Amino acid sequence: FVYQKRNLLSYVWLAFCIVFVFFKMNVWNMI
């Protein structure tokens, strides 16, 4: 399952990391 959905799962993971960085680094305040 993971191998077949590897691209989708990797993009979901990337999206999660982007959101995490946004809040962890308080990017909105920087902007």
All heavy atoms as atom14 arrays in JSON, in Angstrom:
{
  "sequence": "FVYQKRNLLSYVWLAFCIVFVFFKMNVWNMI",
  "atom14_mask": [
    [1, 1, 1, 1, 1, 1, 1, 1, 1, 1, 1, 0, 0, 0],
    [1, 1, 1, 1, 1, 1, 1, 0, 0, 0, 0, 0, 0, 0],
    [1, 1, 1, 1, 1, 1, 1, 1, 1, 1, 1, 1, 0, 0],
    [1, 1, 1, 1, 1, 1, 1, 1, 1, 0, 0, 0, 0, 0],
    [1, 1, 1, 1, 1, 1, 1, 1, 1, 0, 0, 0, 0, 0],
    [1, 1, 1, 1, 1, 1, 1, 1, 1, 1, 1, 0, 0, 0],
    [1, 1, 1, 1, 1, 1, 1, 1, 0, 0, 0, 0, 0, 0],
    [1, 1, 1, 1, 1, 1, 1, 1, 0, 0, 0, 0, 0, 0],
    [1, 1, 1, 1, 1, 1, 1, 1, 0, 0, 0, 0, 0, 0],
    [1, 1, 1, 1, 1, 1, 0, 0, 0, 0, 0, 0, 0, 0],
    [1, 1, 1, 1, 1, 1, 1, 1, 1, 1, 1, 1, 0, 0],
    [1, 1, 1, 1, 1, 1, 1, 0, 0, 0, 0, 0, 0, 0],
    [1, 1, 1, 1, 1, 1, 1, 1, 1, 1, 1, 1, 1, 1],
    [1, 1, 1, 1, 1, 1, 1, 1, 0, 0, 0, 0, 0, 0],
    [1, 1, 1, 1, 1, 0, 0, 0, 0, 0, 0, 0, 0, 0],
    [1, 1, 1, 1, 1, 1, 1, 1, 1, 1, 1, 0, 0, 0],
    [1, 1, 1, 1, 1, 1, 0, 0, 0, 0, 0, 0, 0, 0],
    [1, 1, 1, 1, 1, 1, 1, 1, 0, 0, 0, 0, 0, 0],
    [1, 1, 1, 1, 1, 1, 1, 0, 0, 0, 0, 0, 0, 0],
    [1, 1, 1, 1, 1, 1, 1, 1, 1, 1, 1, 0, 0, 0],
    [1, 1, 1, 1, 1, 1, 1, 0, 0, 0, 0, 0, 0, 0],
    [1, 1, 1, 1, 1, 1, 1, 1, 1, 1, 1, 0, 0, 0],
    [1, 1, 1, 1, 1, 1, 1, 1, 1, 1, 1, 0, 0, 0],
    [1, 1, 1, 1, 1, 1, 1, 1, 1, 0, 0, 0, 0, 0],
    [1, 1, 1, 1, 1, 1, 1, 1, 0, 0, 0, 0, 0, 0],
    [1, 1, 1, 1, 1, 1, 1, 1, 0, 0, 0, 0, 0, 0],
    [1, 1, 1, 1, 1, 1, 1, 0, 0, 0, 0, 0, 0, 0],
    [1, 1, 1, 1, 1, 1, 1, 1, 1, 1, 1, 1, 1, 1],
    [1, 1, 1, 1, 1, 1, 1, 1, 0, 0, 0, 0, 0, 0],
    [1, 1, 1, 1, 1, 1, 1, 1, 0, 0, 0, 0, 0, 0],
    [1, 1, 1, 1, 1, 1, 1, 1, 0, 0, 0, 0, 0, 0]
  ],
  "atom14_positions": [
    [[0.84, -1.21, 0.0], [0.0, 0.0, 0.0], [0.87, 1.25, 0.0], [0.64, 2.19, -0.78], [-0.93, -0.01, 1.22], [-1.66, 1.29, 1.43], [-2.78, 1.6, 0.68], [-1.2, 2.22, 2.37], [-3.45, 2.8, 0.86], [-1.86, 3.42, 2.55], [-3.0, 3.7, 1.8], [0.0, 0.0, 0.0], [0.0, 0.0, 0.0], [0.0, 0.0, 0.0]],
    [[1.86, 1.28, 0.9], [2.73, 2.45, 0.99], [3.51, 2.65, -0.3], [3.65, 3.78, -0.78], [3.71, 2.3, 2.19], [4.76, 3.42, 2.17], [2.95, 2.33, 3.5], [0.0, 0.0, 0.0], [0.0, 0.0, 0.0], [0.0, 0.0, 0.0], [0.0, 0.0, 0.0], [0.0, 0.0, 0.0], [0.0, 0.0, 0.0], [0.0, 0.0, 0.0]],
    [[3.98, 1.55, -0.89], [4.76, 1.67, -2.12], [3.9, 2.21, -3.26], [4.34, 3.07, -4.03], [5.33, 0.31, -2.5], [6.26, 0.35, -3.7], [7.57, 0.81, -3.56], [5.8, 0.0, -4.97], [8.41, 0.89, -4.65], [6.64, 0.08, -6.07], [7.95, 0.52, -5.9], [8.78, 0.6, -7.0], [0.0, 0.0, 0.0], [0.0, 0.0, 0.0]],
    [[2.66, 1.71, -3.37], [1.77, 2.15, -4.45], [1.34, 3.61, -4.27], [1.16, 4.34, -5.24], [0.54, 1.25, -4.52], [0.83, -0.15, -5.03], [-0.4, -1.03, -5.03], [-1.43, -0.69, -4.47], [-0.28, -2.21, -5.67], [0.0, 0.0, 0.0], [0.0, 0.0, 0.0], [0.0, 0.0, 0.0], [0.0, 0.0, 0.0], [0.0, 0.0, 0.0]],
    [[1.17, 4.03, -3.0], [0.71, 5.39, -2.72], [1.87, 6.32, -2.3], [1.66, 7.38, -1.72], [-0.31, 5.37, -1.58], [-1.53, 4.48, -1.83], [-2.39, 5.04, -2.96], [-3.65, 4.19, -3.13], [-4.51, 4.72, -4.23], [0.0, 0.0, 0.0], [0.0, 0.0, 0.0], [0.0, 0.0, 0.0], [0.0, 0.0, 0.0], [0.0, 0.0, 0.0]],
    [[3.08, 5.9, -2.66], [4.25, 6.61, -2.16], [4.27, 8.09, -2.55], [4.64, 8.95, -1.74], [5.53, 5.92, -2.64], [5.71, 5.85, -4.15], [6.88, 4.95, -4.52], [7.12, 4.88, -5.95], [6.46, 4.1, -6.79], [5.51, 3.31, -6.31], [6.73, 4.1, -8.08], [0.0, 0.0, 0.0], [0.0, 0.0, 0.0], [0.0, 0.0, 0.0]],
    [[3.9, 8.41, -3.77], [3.92, 9.81, -4.2], [2.88, 10.63, -3.44], [3.17, 11.74, -2.95], [3.68, 9.92, -5.7], [4.87, 9.41, -6.5], [6.0, 9.4, -6.02], [4.62, 8.97, -7.72], [0.0, 0.0, 0.0], [0.0, 0.0, 0.0], [0.0, 0.0, 0.0], [0.0, 0.0, 0.0], [0.0, 0.0, 0.0], [0.0, 0.0, 0.0]],
    [[1.67, 10.09, -3.33], [0.61, 10.8, -2.6], [1.01, 11.0, -1.14], [0.88, 12.1, -0.59], [-0.7, 10.01, -2.68], [-1.87, 10.56, -1.84], [-2.24, 11.96, -2.32], [-3.07, 9.62, -1.91], [0.0, 0.0, 0.0], [0.0, 0.0, 0.0], [0.0, 0.0, 0.0], [0.0, 0.0, 0.0], [0.0, 0.0, 0.0], [0.0, 0.0, 0.0]],
    [[1.5, 9.93, -0.52], [1.89, 10.03, 0.89], [3.04, 11.0, 1.11], [3.09, 11.71, 2.12], [2.28, 8.63, 1.41], [1.14, 7.62, 1.53], [1.69, 6.24, 1.89], [0.12, 8.07, 2.55], [0.0, 0.0, 0.0], [0.0, 0.0, 0.0], [0.0, 0.0, 0.0], [0.0, 0.0, 0.0], [0.0, 0.0, 0.0], [0.0, 0.0, 0.0]],
    [[3.96, 11.03, 0.17], [5.1, 11.96, 0.31], [4.63, 13.41, 0.23], [5.12, 14.28, 0.95], [6.16, 11.68, -0.76], [5.66, 11.93, -2.06], [0.0, 0.0, 0.0], [0.0, 0.0, 0.0], [0.0, 0.0, 0.0], [0.0, 0.0, 0.0], [0.0, 0.0, 0.0], [0.0, 0.0, 0.0], [0.0, 0.0, 0.0], [0.0, 0.0, 0.0]],
    [[3.64, 13.68, -0.66], [3.12, 15.05, -0.77], [2.31, 15.44, 0.47], [2.34, 16.6, 0.89], [2.26, 15.2, -2.03], [3.08, 15.28, -3.29], [2.94, 14.33, -4.31], [4.01, 16.31, -3.49], [3.7, 14.38, -5.47], [4.78, 16.38, -4.65], [4.62, 15.4, -5.63], [5.38, 15.47, -6.78], [0.0, 0.0, 0.0], [0.0, 0.0, 0.0]],
    [[1.59, 14.48, 1.03], [0.86, 14.74, 2.28], [1.86, 15.07, 3.4], [1.65, 16.0, 4.18], [0.0, 13.52, 2.68], [-0.55, 13.69, 4.09], [-1.13, 13.33, 1.68], [0.0, 0.0, 0.0], [0.0, 0.0, 0.0], [0.0, 0.0, 0.0], [0.0, 0.0, 0.0], [0.0, 0.0, 0.0], [0.0, 0.0, 0.0], [0.0, 0.0, 0.0]],
    [[2.93, 14.32, 3.45], [3.98, 14.57, 4.44], [4.6, 15.95, 4.25], [4.81, 16.69, 5.21], [5.05, 13.48, 4.35], [6.37, 13.81, 5.0], [7.55, 14.03, 4.39], [6.61, 13.96, 6.41], [8.53, 14.3, 5.32], [7.98, 14.26, 6.57], [5.81, 13.86, 7.54], [8.57, 14.48, 7.8], [6.4, 14.08, 8.78], [7.76, 14.37, 8.91]],
    [[4.88, 16.31, 2.99], [5.46, 17.62, 2.7], [4.51, 18.74, 3.11], [4.94, 19.74, 3.69], [5.79, 17.73, 1.21], [6.45, 19.04, 0.76], [7.8, 19.23, 1.44], [6.61, 19.08, -0.76], [0.0, 0.0, 0.0], [0.0, 0.0, 0.0], [0.0, 0.0, 0.0], [0.0, 0.0, 0.0], [0.0, 0.0, 0.0], [0.0, 0.0, 0.0]],
    [[3.23, 18.57, 2.83], [2.23, 19.57, 3.21], [2.19, 19.74, 4.73], [2.12, 20.86, 5.25], [0.86, 19.19, 2.68], [0.0, 0.0, 0.0], [0.0, 0.0, 0.0], [0.0, 0.0, 0.0], [0.0, 0.0, 0.0], [0.0, 0.0, 0.0], [0.0, 0.0, 0.0], [0.0, 0.0, 0.0], [0.0, 0.0, 0.0], [0.0, 0.0, 0.0]],
    [[2.23, 18.6, 5.44], [2.25, 18.66, 6.9], [3.47, 19.42, 7.4], [3.37, 20.24, 8.32], [2.25, 17.23, 7.48], [2.59, 17.19, 8.94], [1.64, 17.51, 9.9], [3.87, 16.83, 9.37], [1.96, 17.49, 11.25], [4.19, 16.8, 10.72], [3.23, 17.13, 11.66], [0.0, 0.0, 0.0], [0.0, 0.0, 0.0], [0.0, 0.0, 0.0]],
    [[4.62, 19.17, 6.81], [5.87, 19.84, 7.23], [5.81, 21.34, 6.97], [6.29, 22.14, 7.78], [7.07, 19.21, 6.51], [7.42, 17.53, 7.03], [0.0, 0.0, 0.0], [0.0, 0.0, 0.0], [0.0, 0.0, 0.0], [0.0, 0.0, 0.0], [0.0, 0.0, 0.0], [0.0, 0.0, 0.0], [0.0, 0.0, 0.0], [0.0, 0.0, 0.0]],
    [[5.22, 21.73, 5.85], [5.08, 23.16, 5.53], [4.22, 23.85, 6.57], [4.54, 24.94, 7.06], [4.51, 23.34, 4.11], [5.52, 22.88, 3.06], [4.12, 24.8, 3.87], [4.98, 22.86, 1.65], [0.0, 0.0, 0.0], [0.0, 0.0, 0.0], [0.0, 0.0, 0.0], [0.0, 0.0, 0.0], [0.0, 0.0, 0.0], [0.0, 0.0, 0.0]],
    [[3.1, 23.23, 6.92], [2.21, 23.79, 7.94], [2.92, 23.86, 9.29], [2.82, 24.86, 10.01], [0.91, 22.95, 8.05], [0.07, 23.43, 9.24], [0.11, 23.02, 6.77], [0.0, 0.0, 0.0], [0.0, 0.0, 0.0], [0.0, 0.0, 0.0], [0.0, 0.0, 0.0], [0.0, 0.0, 0.0], [0.0, 0.0, 0.0], [0.0, 0.0, 0.0]],
    [[3.67, 22.8, 9.61], [4.42, 22.77, 10.88], [5.4, 23.93, 10.94], [5.49, 24.64, 11.96], [5.14, 21.44, 11.02], [6.03, 21.36, 12.23], [5.51, 21.03, 13.47], [7.4, 21.62, 12.13], [6.32, 20.96, 14.59], [8.22, 21.55, 13.25], [7.68, 21.22, 14.48], [0.0, 0.0, 0.0], [0.0, 0.0, 0.0], [0.0, 0.0, 0.0]],
    [[6.17, 24.13, 9.87], [7.16, 25.22, 9.82], [6.47, 26.57, 9.95], [6.94, 27.46, 10.66], [7.98, 25.15, 8.53], [8.85, 26.4, 8.37], [8.86, 23.91, 8.51], [0.0, 0.0, 0.0], [0.0, 0.0, 0.0], [0.0, 0.0, 0.0], [0.0, 0.0, 0.0], [0.0, 0.0, 0.0], [0.0, 0.0, 0.0], [0.0, 0.0, 0.0]],
    [[5.34, 26.72, 9.29], [4.6, 28.0, 9.3], [4.26, 28.4, 10.73], [4.44, 29.56, 11.12], [3.33, 27.86, 8.47], [2.59, 29.15, 8.28], [2.91, 30.01, 7.24], [1.57, 29.52, 9.17], [2.22, 31.21, 7.08], [0.89, 30.71, 9.01], [1.22, 31.56, 7.96], [0.0, 0.0, 0.0], [0.0, 0.0, 0.0], [0.0, 0.0, 0.0]],
    [[3.77, 27.45, 11.51], [3.36, 27.77, 12.88], [4.56, 27.75, 13.85], [4.64, 28.58, 14.76], [2.28, 26.79, 13.36], [0.94, 27.04, 12.72], [0.5, 26.27, 11.66], [0.13, 28.07, 13.18], [-0.73, 26.51, 11.07], [-1.1, 28.33, 12.59], [-1.54, 27.55, 11.54], [0.0, 0.0, 0.0], [0.0, 0.0, 0.0], [0.0, 0.0, 0.0]],
    [[5.46, 26.8, 13.67], [6.61, 26.69, 14.57], [7.5, 27.93, 14.49], [7.98, 28.44, 15.52], [7.43, 25.45, 14.22], [8.55, 25.11, 15.21], [8.0, 24.56, 16.5], [9.09, 24.06, 17.42], [8.57, 23.52, 18.69], [0.0, 0.0, 0.0], [0.0, 0.0, 0.0], [0.0, 0.0, 0.0], [0.0, 0.0, 0.0], [0.0, 0.0, 0.0]],
    [[7.72, 28.43, 13.28], [8.59, 29.58, 13.08], [7.82, 30.9, 13.12], [8.41, 31.96, 12.94], [9.31, 29.45, 11.72], [10.25, 28.28, 11.61], [11.75, 28.51, 12.57], [12.51, 29.86, 11.7], [0.0, 0.0, 0.0], [0.0, 0.0, 0.0], [0.0, 0.0, 0.0], [0.0, 0.0, 0.0], [0.0, 0.0, 0.0], [0.0, 0.0, 0.0]],
    [[6.52, 30.81, 13.38], [5.7, 32.03, 13.43], [5.87, 32.86, 12.17], [6.11, 34.07, 12.21], [6.07, 32.86, 14.66], [4.88, 33.59, 15.23], [3.84, 33.67, 14.58], [5.03, 34.14, 16.41], [0.0, 0.0, 0.0], [0.0, 0.0, 0.0], [0.0, 0.0, 0.0], [0.0, 0.0, 0.0], [0.0, 0.0, 0.0], [0.0, 0.0, 0.0]],
    [[5.76, 32.17, 11.02], [6.02, 32.8, 9.73], [5.06, 33.96, 9.47], [5.43, 34.97, 8.86], [5.93, 31.76, 8.59], [6.05, 32.42, 7.23], [7.03, 30.71, 8.77], [0.0, 0.0, 0.0], [0.0, 0.0, 0.0], [0.0, 0.0, 0.0], [0.0, 0.0, 0.0], [0.0, 0.0, 0.0], [0.0, 0.0, 0.0], [0.0, 0.0, 0.0]],
    [[3.82, 33.84, 9.95], [2.85, 34.9, 9.7], [3.32, 36.22, 10.31], [3.19, 37.28, 9.7], [1.49, 34.52, 10.27], [0.46, 35.6, 10.04], [-0.12, 36.42, 10.95], [-0.07, 36.0, 8.76], [-0.97, 37.3, 10.35], [-0.98, 37.07, 9.0], [0.12, 35.56, 7.45], [-1.68, 37.69, 7.98], [-0.59, 36.19, 6.43], [-1.48, 37.23, 6.69]],
    [[3.9, 36.15, 11.51], [4.43, 37.37, 12.13], [5.57, 37.94, 11.32], [5.7, 39.16, 11.17], [4.91, 37.08, 13.55], [3.79, 37.14, 14.56], [2.69, 37.52, 14.22], [4.06, 36.76, 15.79], [0.0, 0.0, 0.0], [0.0, 0.0, 0.0], [0.0, 0.0, 0.0], [0.0, 0.0, 0.0], [0.0, 0.0, 0.0], [0.0, 0.0, 0.0]],
    [[6.43, 37.06, 10.77], [7.54, 37.54, 9.94], [7.01, 38.25, 8.7], [7.53, 39.29, 8.3], [8.43, 36.36, 9.53], [9.26, 35.77, 10.65], [10.47, 34.59, 10.0], [11.05, 33.85, 11.52], [0.0, 0.0, 0.0], [0.0, 0.0, 0.0], [0.0, 0.0, 0.0], [0.0, 0.0, 0.0], [0.0, 0.0, 0.0], [0.0, 0.0, 0.0]],
    [[5.97, 37.67, 8.09], [5.38, 38.29, 6.9], [4.78, 39.63, 7.26], [4.95, 40.63, 6.55], [4.32, 37.36, 6.29], [4.97, 36.08, 5.75], [3.56, 38.07, 5.18], [3.98, 35.02, 5.31], [0.0, 0.0, 0.0], [0.0, 0.0, 0.0], [0.0, 0.0, 0.0], [0.0, 0.0, 0.0], [0.0, 0.0, 0.0], [0.0, 0.0, 0.0]]
  ]
}
